[in-house]
Amino acid sequence: MKLFGRKETAEEDSEEEKSGDTCDVIGCSEPTYRSISAKNVAKAGLKVKKERGKAHLCHEHYKQYKKATKKERELERLGR
């Protein structure tokens, strides 16, 4: 990743990949994009490896989670 004209080295790239977690959805090994309550992710219909704490989601599964909870989030904003 290039930030503000700064050149990255191969060492920085590999270090970044090592420190990243992977998606907690069963069968996915993509890098983490967002972390959300595992309970809420399970309610949205995604099968996660753990049922407690935070579930780490990749970009694609985060989009699926947002789509599945769109109506609920909209009602929450309106104050139900």
Protein backbone atom coordinates (compact mmCIF):
# COMPACT_ATOMS: atom_id res chain seq x y z
CA MET A 1 0.00 0.00 0.00
CA LYS A 2 1.35 3.40 -0.92
CA LEU A 3 0.73 6.20 1.55
CA PHE A 4 1.44 9.81 0.64
CA GLY A 5 4.27 9.08 -1.76
CA ARG A 6 6.19 6.96 0.73
CA LYS A 7 7.79 3.89 -0.81
CA GLU A 8 7.23 0.58 0.92
CA THR A 9 9.72 -2.20 1.13
CA ALA A 10 9.04 -5.90 0.73
CA GLU A 11 9.70 -6.36 4.44
CA GLU A 12 6.90 -3.96 5.36
CA ASP A 13 4.47 -5.74 3.04
CA SER A 14 5.16 -9.17 4.52
CA GLU A 15 5.02 -7.80 8.08
CA GLU A 16 1.62 -6.28 7.40
CA GLU A 17 0.25 -9.60 6.15
CA LYS A 18 1.59 -11.52 9.16
CA SER A 19 0.00 -9.20 11.70
CA GLY A 20 -3.47 -9.34 10.10
CA ASP A 21 -6.20 -11.69 11.27
CA THR A 22 -8.40 -13.74 8.98
CA CYS A 23 -12.15 -13.77 8.57
CA ASP A 24 -14.06 -15.75 11.24
CA VAL A 25 -16.75 -16.99 8.85
CA ILE A 26 -16.46 -20.75 8.42
CA GLY A 27 -14.60 -21.58 5.21
CA CYS A 28 -13.16 -18.09 4.62
CA SER A 29 -9.49 -17.16 4.91
CA GLU A 30 -9.54 -13.57 3.63
CA PRO A 31 -7.91 -10.81 5.72
CA THR A 32 -9.97 -8.99 8.35
CA TYR A 33 -11.79 -5.81 7.32
CA ARG A 34 -14.07 -5.11 10.34
CA SER A 35 -14.88 -6.59 13.74
CA ILE A 36 -18.47 -6.96 14.90
CA SER A 37 -20.19 -8.76 17.76
CA ALA A 38 -20.24 -12.47 16.93
CA LYS A 39 -23.78 -12.70 18.30
CA ASN A 40 -25.03 -10.05 15.85
CA VAL A 41 -23.19 -11.66 12.94
CA ALA A 42 -24.79 -15.04 13.74
CA LYS A 43 -28.25 -13.40 13.94
CA ALA A 44 -27.62 -11.97 10.45
CA GLY A 45 -27.25 -15.52 9.11
CA LEU A 46 -23.48 -15.83 8.72
CA LYS A 47 -21.89 -18.92 10.25
CA VAL A 48 -19.00 -17.84 12.45
CA LYS A 49 -16.35 -19.95 14.16
CA LYS A 50 -17.13 -18.52 17.60
CA GLU A 51 -20.36 -17.36 19.21
CA ARG A 52 -18.92 -14.99 21.80
CA GLY A 53 -16.81 -11.87 21.62
CA LYS A 54 -15.90 -10.16 18.38
CA ALA A 55 -16.14 -11.76 14.97
CA HIS A 56 -13.61 -10.56 12.41
CA LEU A 57 -15.13 -10.20 8.95
CA CYS A 58 -13.50 -9.78 5.55
CA HIS A 59 -14.78 -7.09 3.20
CA GLU A 60 -17.15 -9.43 1.34
CA HIS A 61 -18.72 -10.90 4.48
CA TYR A 62 -19.02 -7.43 6.01
CA LYS A 63 -21.04 -6.38 2.94
CA GLN A 64 -23.27 -9.44 3.42
CA TYR A 65 -23.73 -8.58 7.11
CA LYS A 66 -24.67 -4.97 6.28
CA LYS A 67 -27.15 -6.10 3.65
CA ALA A 68 -28.77 -8.60 6.04
CA THR A 69 -29.14 -5.99 8.81
CA LYS A 70 -30.10 -3.00 6.68
CA LYS A 71 -33.75 -2.81 7.81
CA GLU A 72 -32.86 -3.31 11.48
CA ARG A 73 -30.22 -0.55 11.36
CA GLU A 74 -32.66 1.79 9.62
CA LEU A 75 -35.29 1.25 12.32
CA GLU A 76 -32.66 1.84 15.00
CA ARG A 77 -31.73 5.19 13.45
CA LEU A 78 -35.38 6.25 13.36
CA GLY A 79 -35.79 5.44 17.03
CA ARG A 80 -38.23 2.59 16.41
